[in-house]
Amino acid sequence: MRAALAHDWLTGMRGGEKVLLEHARLLPDADIHTLVHIPGSTHPEIEAHRVIASPLSQLPGIARHYRKLLPLFPWAIGRLRPRDVDLVLSSSHAVAKGISAPPGATHLAYCFTPMRYVWDQADAYLGTGAFRVAASPLVAALRRWDVRSSHRDRVHRVIAISTPVAERIERHWQRRADVIFPPVDVEQFGARPRAAEDFFLMVGGFVPYKREEVAIEAFRKLGLRLLVAGDGPSRARLQARAPDNVRFLGRVDDDTLADLYARCRALVYPQEEDFGIIPVEAQAAGAPVVALGRGGVTDTVRPLDGPASKAPTGLFFDSSSPAALAEAVAHFEERRAEFDADAIRAHAAAFSASRFRLEMRAAIEETVAHGPRAWDPAS
């Protein structure tokens, strides 16, 4: 199969790039089209492909400042035009799905989310003051482009990473999407024996929507031990104000993180994510999850008091507040004996990379056989 891959940018190895890596393994001869490419910043198997970058990639200082060029992204993706291919497979949370498939080719878009900068999280990214008002014309223009570039005559099939994202796609694009969960390295995080200790774990990114301050304030009230792994812009400020029972570990490697998952009493997850790899990793280690019951965790965590035939893998709270989280942790402590590590691990296995490859391969074959016509998923 002659194919091309498209991805927003290649500037680091994050969750989106782990999806791209699996796409590259499925389509080993495909060129990769992207807005910005920083050579060596991703995985050797990605870098082994021919990478075709937009003109933005040649600008001085682009590695640090590419996000500031958001108004130019639609123009830049339009400069990338795959040729002589049967399939274009895009993976995108921004504009990569706006790439044009050549005549007769099929475009399959794997969507992390419709462009969050201009839809559901516009206020989080742009604020609510004068700058947000000034940016309103740009937001409106990008929304129009986002809808137009996802039209059925440009993107023939859409696959979402989670049920909430599929619902968002239908709301913003008026498109229906299938769901294929992204790959998680459950084998790596499930290799250690489970040995729960007396601390809870949070893995933070320290940007506003991650809501680490909610967990810190909840544990100030509870007095229980909370270890916080990770780094980011707001870490220093939150660490300076944290109580003694909250300890910051900074950025940790995967081996250390696997050890923390295996030893924590439970993972604390106060944010809403489109999918959320961290709760799946923790469950792969047999750890329960205490999570805000919104977003991707509604697909990946089986809550306490859910269907009687299914063993629980976590517990949800319904308000992003310290009081609600503190109450949920206290409830978890009362019913901790109801969580079985082996059942939690078995549940996490359903999100493996091998499962992703099988489902994506089938989706690619179905889509190409269907041809460049809009794909309407079954209800």
Protein backbone atom coordinates (compact mmCIF):
# COMPACT_ATOMS: atom_id res chain seq x y z
CA MET A 1 0.00 0.00 0.00
CA ARG A 2 1.34 3.44 -0.93
CA ALA A 3 0.74 5.66 2.09
CA ALA A 4 1.67 8.97 3.68
CA LEU A 5 1.59 9.89 7.35
CA ALA A 6 0.80 13.33 8.76
CA HIS A 7 1.44 14.55 12.30
CA ASP A 8 1.23 18.01 13.85
CA TRP A 9 4.91 18.36 14.80
CA LEU A 10 7.96 16.28 15.67
CA THR A 11 9.57 18.10 18.59
CA GLY A 12 9.58 15.44 21.34
CA MET A 13 8.42 11.95 22.24
CA ARG A 14 5.05 12.35 23.94
CA GLY A 15 1.77 10.43 23.84
CA GLY A 16 0.90 11.58 20.32
CA GLU A 17 4.30 10.53 19.01
CA LYS A 18 3.83 7.06 20.56
CA VAL A 19 0.73 6.76 18.37
CA LEU A 20 2.71 7.98 15.35
CA LEU A 21 5.39 5.36 16.11
CA GLU A 22 2.80 2.60 15.86
CA HIS A 23 1.44 4.12 12.63
CA ALA A 24 4.98 4.20 11.25
CA ARG A 25 5.44 0.53 12.14
CA LEU A 26 2.22 -0.35 10.33
CA LEU A 27 3.25 1.69 7.26
CA PRO A 28 7.06 1.36 7.20
CA ASP A 29 7.52 2.89 3.72
CA ALA A 30 5.38 5.98 4.33
CA ASP A 31 6.77 9.51 4.29
CA ILE A 32 5.88 11.62 7.34
CA HIS A 33 4.51 15.14 6.73
CA THR A 34 4.64 17.60 9.61
CA LEU A 35 4.66 21.31 10.45
CA VAL A 36 7.94 21.30 12.39
CA HIS A 37 10.66 18.67 12.62
CA ILE A 38 13.49 18.86 15.14
CA PRO A 39 15.79 16.03 13.98
CA GLY A 40 16.53 13.46 16.66
CA SER A 41 13.75 14.64 18.98
CA THR A 42 11.52 11.57 18.62
CA HIS A 43 12.11 7.82 18.22
CA PRO A 44 14.76 6.31 15.90
CA GLU A 45 12.05 4.39 14.03
CA ILE A 46 10.21 7.65 13.32
CA GLU A 47 13.42 9.43 12.36
CA ALA A 48 14.23 6.58 9.94
CA HIS A 49 11.30 7.64 7.75
CA ARG A 50 11.62 10.41 5.18
CA VAL A 51 10.25 13.47 6.98
CA ILE A 52 8.78 16.32 4.93
CA ALA A 53 8.38 19.48 7.03
CA SER A 54 6.55 22.71 6.26
CA PRO A 55 8.36 26.03 5.66
CA LEU A 56 7.82 26.88 9.35
CA SER A 57 10.43 24.29 10.27
CA GLN A 58 13.18 26.47 8.75
CA LEU A 59 12.52 29.53 10.90
CA PRO A 60 15.15 30.51 13.52
CA GLY A 61 14.26 29.45 17.05
CA ILE A 62 11.34 27.33 15.85
CA ALA A 63 12.07 24.54 18.35
CA ARG A 64 11.09 26.81 21.26
CA HIS A 65 8.53 29.08 19.67
CA TYR A 66 6.51 27.01 17.21
CA ARG A 67 3.30 27.15 19.31
CA LYS A 68 3.30 30.94 18.95
CA LEU A 69 2.77 30.51 15.21
CA LEU A 70 -0.73 29.05 15.62
CA PRO A 71 -2.29 31.57 13.14
CA LEU A 72 0.05 30.24 10.43
CA PHE A 73 -0.65 26.54 11.01
CA PRO A 74 -3.52 26.18 8.49
CA TRP A 75 -1.43 27.85 5.79
CA ALA A 76 1.60 25.69 6.62
CA ILE A 77 -0.29 22.38 6.55
CA GLY A 78 -1.73 23.42 3.20
CA ARG A 79 1.80 23.57 1.80
CA LEU A 80 2.24 19.82 2.41
CA ARG A 81 0.77 17.78 -0.43
CA PRO A 82 1.40 14.01 -0.49
CA ARG A 83 1.56 12.55 -3.99
CA ASP A 84 1.14 9.11 -5.53
CA VAL A 85 -0.41 7.48 -2.47
CA ASP A 86 -3.52 5.41 -1.83
CA LEU A 87 -3.87 6.43 1.83
CA VAL A 88 -3.14 9.45 3.99
CA LEU A 89 -3.17 8.59 7.71
CA SER A 90 -3.08 11.69 9.90
CA SER A 91 -2.72 11.84 13.69
CA SER A 92 -3.67 15.22 15.05
CA HIS A 93 -4.80 17.43 17.93
CA ALA A 94 -4.22 20.61 15.92
CA VAL A 95 -4.02 20.85 12.13
CA ALA A 96 -2.43 17.71 10.64
CA LYS A 97 -5.85 16.39 9.63
CA GLY A 98 -6.08 19.47 7.39
CA ILE A 99 -3.57 17.94 4.97
CA SER A 100 -5.05 17.22 1.54
CA ALA A 101 -5.10 13.70 0.15
CA PRO A 102 -4.37 13.56 -3.60
CA PRO A 103 -7.22 12.71 -5.99
CA GLY A 104 -8.35 9.10 -5.61
CA ALA A 105 -6.63 8.61 -2.23
CA THR A 106 -8.38 7.99 1.07
CA HIS A 107 -7.78 10.13 4.16
CA LEU A 108 -8.13 8.41 7.55
CA ALA A 109 -7.80 10.84 10.49
CA TYR A 110 -6.86 9.56 13.93
CA CYS A 111 -8.04 12.40 16.15
CA PHE A 112 -6.69 13.15 19.62
CA THR A 113 -9.25 15.99 19.88
CA PRO A 114 -10.65 18.80 17.76
CA MET A 115 -8.29 21.76 18.13
CA ARG A 116 -8.51 22.38 21.88
CA TYR A 117 -6.96 25.86 21.60
CA VAL A 118 -10.12 27.19 19.98
CA TRP A 119 -12.90 24.95 21.27
CA ASP A 120 -13.37 23.52 24.77
CA GLN A 121 -10.16 24.88 26.31
CA ALA A 122 -9.87 28.27 24.60
CA ASP A 123 -10.10 30.12 27.91
CA ALA A 124 -7.43 27.91 29.51
CA TYR A 125 -4.99 28.61 26.69
CA LEU A 126 -5.87 32.22 25.91
CA GLY A 127 -7.18 33.50 29.24
CA THR A 128 -10.39 35.45 29.83
CA GLY A 129 -9.11 39.05 29.81
CA ALA A 130 -8.15 41.56 27.16
CA PHE A 131 -5.93 39.14 25.26
CA ARG A 132 -8.81 36.68 24.93
CA VAL A 133 -11.04 39.45 23.55
CA ALA A 134 -8.35 40.52 21.11
CA ALA A 135 -7.90 36.93 20.00
CA SER A 136 -11.62 36.38 19.31
CA PRO A 137 -11.41 37.00 15.53
CA LEU A 138 -8.53 34.51 15.29
CA VAL A 139 -10.44 31.94 17.35
CA ALA A 140 -13.49 32.34 15.11
CA ALA A 141 -11.38 31.97 11.95
CA LEU A 142 -9.62 28.87 13.26
CA ARG A 143 -12.95 27.31 14.24
CA ARG A 144 -14.24 27.82 10.70
CA TRP A 145 -11.06 26.30 9.28
CA ASP A 146 -11.24 23.37 11.70
CA VAL A 147 -14.78 22.51 10.59
CA ARG A 148 -14.06 23.07 6.90
CA SER A 149 -10.88 20.96 6.90
CA SER A 150 -12.69 18.03 8.55
CA HIS A 151 -15.47 17.95 5.95
CA ARG A 152 -16.44 14.59 4.46
CA ASP A 153 -14.88 15.43 1.10
CA ARG A 154 -11.46 15.99 2.76
CA VAL A 155 -11.42 13.51 5.66
CA HIS A 156 -13.13 10.31 4.64
CA ARG A 157 -13.09 8.56 8.03
CA VAL A 158 -12.44 9.80 11.56
CA ILE A 159 -11.25 7.67 14.47
CA ALA A 160 -11.26 9.17 17.98
CA ILE A 161 -9.04 8.20 20.90
CA SER A 162 -11.95 8.01 23.37
CA THR A 163 -15.71 8.21 23.69
CA PRO A 164 -15.60 11.81 25.02
CA VAL A 165 -13.49 12.86 22.02
CA ALA A 166 -15.91 11.16 19.64
CA GLU A 167 -18.73 13.15 21.26
CA ARG A 168 -16.70 16.36 20.85
CA ILE A 169 -16.08 15.56 17.17
CA GLU A 170 -19.80 15.15 16.61
CA ARG A 171 -20.54 18.38 18.47
CA HIS A 172 -17.97 20.56 16.68
CA TRP A 173 -17.54 18.91 13.27
CA GLN A 174 -20.93 17.22 12.89
CA ARG A 175 -19.04 14.01 12.12
CA ARG A 176 -19.44 10.61 13.68
CA ALA A 177 -16.27 8.80 14.68
CA ASP A 178 -15.26 5.29 15.61
CA VAL A 179 -13.14 4.86 18.75
CA ILE A 180 -9.77 3.08 18.92
CA PHE A 181 -7.96 3.64 22.20
CA PRO A 182 -4.30 4.70 21.87
CA PRO A 183 -1.46 2.29 22.74
CA VAL A 184 -0.16 2.02 26.30
CA ASP A 185 2.97 0.09 27.28
CA VAL A 186 1.12 -2.01 29.84
CA GLU A 187 3.82 -4.70 29.78
CA GLN A 188 6.50 -2.31 31.01
CA PHE A 189 4.43 -1.05 33.92
CA GLY A 190 3.00 -4.45 34.80
CA ALA A 191 6.31 -6.24 35.24
CA ARG A 192 6.80 -5.53 38.97
CA PRO A 193 5.03 -7.27 41.86
CA ARG A 194 2.38 -5.17 43.56
CA ALA A 195 3.43 -4.07 47.06
CA ALA A 196 1.22 -1.19 48.22
CA GLU A 197 2.70 1.15 50.83
CA ASP A 198 1.28 4.10 52.76
CA PHE A 199 1.55 6.83 50.11
CA PHE A 200 -0.64 8.06 47.27
CA LEU A 201 0.88 9.08 43.93
CA MET A 202 0.20 11.93 41.53
CA VAL A 203 2.03 12.34 38.20
CA GLY A 204 1.92 16.00 37.27
CA GLY A 205 2.55 18.13 34.21
CA PHE A 206 2.18 21.40 36.17
CA VAL A 207 0.09 23.33 33.70
CA PRO A 208 -3.28 24.85 34.70
CA TYR A 209 -5.67 22.17 33.47
CA LYS A 210 -3.75 19.38 35.27
CA ARG A 211 -5.17 20.72 38.57
CA GLU A 212 -2.33 19.57 40.82
CA GLU A 213 -3.30 22.26 43.33
CA VAL A 214 -6.61 20.45 43.91
CA ALA A 215 -4.78 17.33 45.08
CA ILE A 216 -2.26 19.27 47.19
CA GLU A 217 -5.01 21.09 49.05
CA ALA A 218 -7.00 17.87 49.52
CA PHE A 219 -4.00 16.14 51.07
CA ARG A 220 -3.30 19.17 53.25
CA LYS A 221 -6.71 18.46 54.77
CA LEU A 222 -6.27 14.68 54.88
CA GLY A 223 -2.76 14.61 56.31
CA LEU A 224 -1.94 11.48 54.27
CA ARG A 225 1.30 11.11 52.31
CA LEU A 226 1.26 12.21 48.67
CA LEU A 227 4.25 11.81 46.35
CA VAL A 228 4.24 14.01 43.25
CA ALA A 229 6.29 12.99 40.21
CA GLY A 230 6.84 15.27 37.23
CA ASP A 231 7.82 18.80 36.36
CA GLY A 232 6.41 21.85 34.62
CA PRO A 233 5.90 25.62 34.75
CA SER A 234 3.94 25.82 38.02
CA ARG A 235 5.89 23.24 40.01
CA ALA A 236 8.06 25.67 42.00
CA ARG A 237 5.09 27.77 43.06
CA LEU A 238 3.02 24.77 44.18
CA GLN A 239 5.95 23.12 45.91
CA ALA A 240 6.68 26.27 47.94
CA ARG A 241 3.13 26.26 49.30
CA ALA A 242 2.72 22.50 49.84
CA PRO A 243 2.34 20.92 53.32
CA ASP A 244 5.01 18.61 54.74
CA ASN A 245 3.04 15.46 53.89
CA VAL A 246 3.28 16.28 50.14
CA ARG A 247 6.69 15.46 48.65
CA PHE A 248 7.82 16.52 45.17
CA LEU A 249 10.10 14.09 43.30
CA GLY A 250 10.65 16.06 40.10
CA ARG A 251 10.89 14.37 36.73
CA VAL A 252 11.45 10.60 37.01
CA ASP A 253 12.42 7.97 34.43
CA ASP A 254 10.08 5.16 33.38
CA ASP A 255 11.75 2.59 35.63
CA THR A 256 11.30 4.78 38.71
CA LEU A 257 7.73 5.57 37.68
CA ALA A 258 6.94 1.85 37.33
CA ASP A 259 8.27 1.32 40.85
CA LEU A 260 6.11 4.15 42.20
CA TYR A 261 3.01 2.74 40.52
CA ALA A 262 3.70 -0.67 42.04
CA ARG A 263 4.16 0.72 45.56
CA CYS A 264 1.56 3.48 45.78
CA ARG A 265 -1.70 2.94 47.63
CA ALA A 266 -3.55 4.53 44.69
CA LEU A 267 -3.01 7.01 41.87
CA VAL A 268 -4.66 10.41 42.38
CA TYR A 269 -5.85 11.94 39.10
CA PRO A 270 -7.54 15.35 39.50
CA GLN A 271 -7.62 16.47 35.85
CA GLU A 272 -9.80 15.85 32.82
CA GLU A 273 -7.93 14.41 29.83
CA ASP A 274 -8.98 13.38 26.34
CA PHE A 275 -7.74 9.84 27.06
CA GLY A 276 -5.16 9.79 29.86
CA ILE A 277 -2.28 7.32 29.60
CA ILE A 278 -1.19 7.69 33.24
CA PRO A 279 -4.27 6.01 34.80
CA VAL A 280 -3.84 3.05 32.43
CA GLU A 281 -0.15 2.75 33.33
CA ALA A 282 -1.03 2.78 37.05
CA GLN A 283 -3.70 0.11 36.54
CA ALA A 284 -1.19 -2.00 34.58
CA ALA A 285 0.84 -2.03 37.82
CA GLY A 286 -2.26 -3.11 39.76
CA ALA A 287 -2.83 0.29 41.39
CA PRO A 288 -6.38 1.65 41.83
CA VAL A 289 -7.17 5.14 40.53
CA VAL A 290 -8.99 7.95 42.37
CA ALA A 291 -10.01 10.22 39.50
CA LEU A 292 -12.21 13.10 38.49
CA GLY A 293 -14.97 11.23 36.66
CA ARG A 294 -14.76 13.12 33.38
CA GLY A 295 -13.00 12.59 30.08
CA GLY A 296 -11.03 9.53 29.08
CA VAL A 297 -11.08 7.85 32.51
CA THR A 298 -14.75 7.08 31.91
CA ASP A 299 -13.48 4.66 29.23
CA THR A 300 -10.43 3.33 31.07
CA VAL A 301 -11.39 3.05 34.75
CA ARG A 302 -14.13 0.78 36.14
CA PRO A 303 -15.57 2.69 39.10
CA LEU A 304 -16.43 1.32 42.50
CA ASP A 305 -20.15 0.51 42.63
CA GLY A 306 -20.24 0.07 38.87
CA PRO A 307 -21.64 -3.09 37.18
CA ALA A 308 -21.76 -5.89 39.76
CA SER A 309 -20.15 -8.38 37.39
CA LYS A 310 -17.01 -6.27 36.94
CA ALA A 311 -14.27 -5.86 39.53
CA PRO A 312 -13.63 -2.15 40.26
CA THR A 313 -10.35 -0.55 39.22
CA GLY A 314 -10.92 2.92 40.71
CA LEU A 315 -13.20 5.47 42.26
CA PHE A 316 -14.59 8.68 40.75
CA PHE A 317 -15.32 12.07 42.30
CA ASP A 318 -17.57 14.50 40.46
CA SER A 319 -16.29 17.98 41.33
CA SER A 320 -12.82 19.42 40.70
CA SER A 321 -12.43 20.69 44.24
CA PRO A 322 -10.15 19.77 47.18
CA ALA A 323 -13.18 18.87 49.30
CA ALA A 324 -14.55 16.42 46.70
CA LEU A 325 -11.18 14.77 46.23
CA ALA A 326 -10.57 14.53 49.99
CA GLU A 327 -13.96 12.86 50.41
CA ALA A 328 -13.16 10.40 47.60
CA VAL A 329 -9.80 9.47 49.13
CA ALA A 330 -11.43 8.92 52.52
CA HIS A 331 -14.06 6.72 50.85
CA PHE A 332 -11.30 4.79 49.07
CA GLU A 333 -9.58 4.17 52.40
CA GLU A 334 -12.78 2.73 53.85
CA ARG A 335 -13.21 0.32 50.94
CA ARG A 336 -9.64 -0.35 49.90
CA ALA A 337 -10.02 -4.09 50.47
CA GLU A 338 -12.49 -4.30 47.56
CA PHE A 339 -9.78 -3.63 44.96
CA ASP A 340 -7.92 -6.63 43.56
CA ALA A 341 -4.54 -5.96 41.94
CA ASP A 342 -4.78 -8.90 39.53
CA ALA A 343 -8.21 -7.80 38.30
CA ILE A 344 -6.93 -4.26 37.83
CA ARG A 345 -3.95 -5.50 35.81
CA ALA A 346 -6.20 -7.68 33.66
CA HIS A 347 -8.43 -4.69 32.91
CA ALA A 348 -5.43 -2.56 31.83
CA ALA A 349 -4.25 -5.24 29.39
CA ALA A 350 -7.12 -4.26 27.07
CA PHE A 351 -5.25 -1.01 26.26
CA SER A 352 -2.00 -2.60 25.07
CA ALA A 353 0.03 -1.60 22.02
CA SER A 354 -0.57 -5.00 20.42
CA ARG A 355 -4.33 -4.44 20.64
CA PHE A 356 -3.90 -0.99 19.06
CA ARG A 357 -1.93 -2.41 16.14
CA LEU A 358 -4.55 -5.06 15.42
CA GLU A 359 -7.42 -2.56 15.51
CA MET A 360 -5.61 0.08 13.47
CA ARG A 361 -4.51 -2.43 10.83
CA ALA A 362 -8.11 -3.56 10.45
CA ALA A 363 -9.31 0.07 10.26
CA ILE A 364 -6.73 0.92 7.59
CA GLU A 365 -7.69 -2.09 5.45
CA GLU A 366 -11.41 -1.36 5.82
CA THR A 367 -10.97 2.30 4.97
CA VAL A 368 -8.85 1.74 1.88
CA ALA A 369 -11.27 -0.95 0.65
CA HIS A 370 -14.16 1.48 1.18
CA GLY A 371 -12.41 4.12 -0.90
CA PRO A 372 -12.50 7.94 -0.72
CA ARG A 373 -16.10 8.23 0.37
CA ALA A 374 -17.32 9.48 3.73
CA TRP A 375 -17.41 6.70 6.31
CA ASP A 376 -20.46 6.63 8.57
CA PRO A 377 -19.81 4.48 11.68
CA ALA A 378 -22.54 2.12 12.80
CA SER A 379 -24.65 3.36 15.70
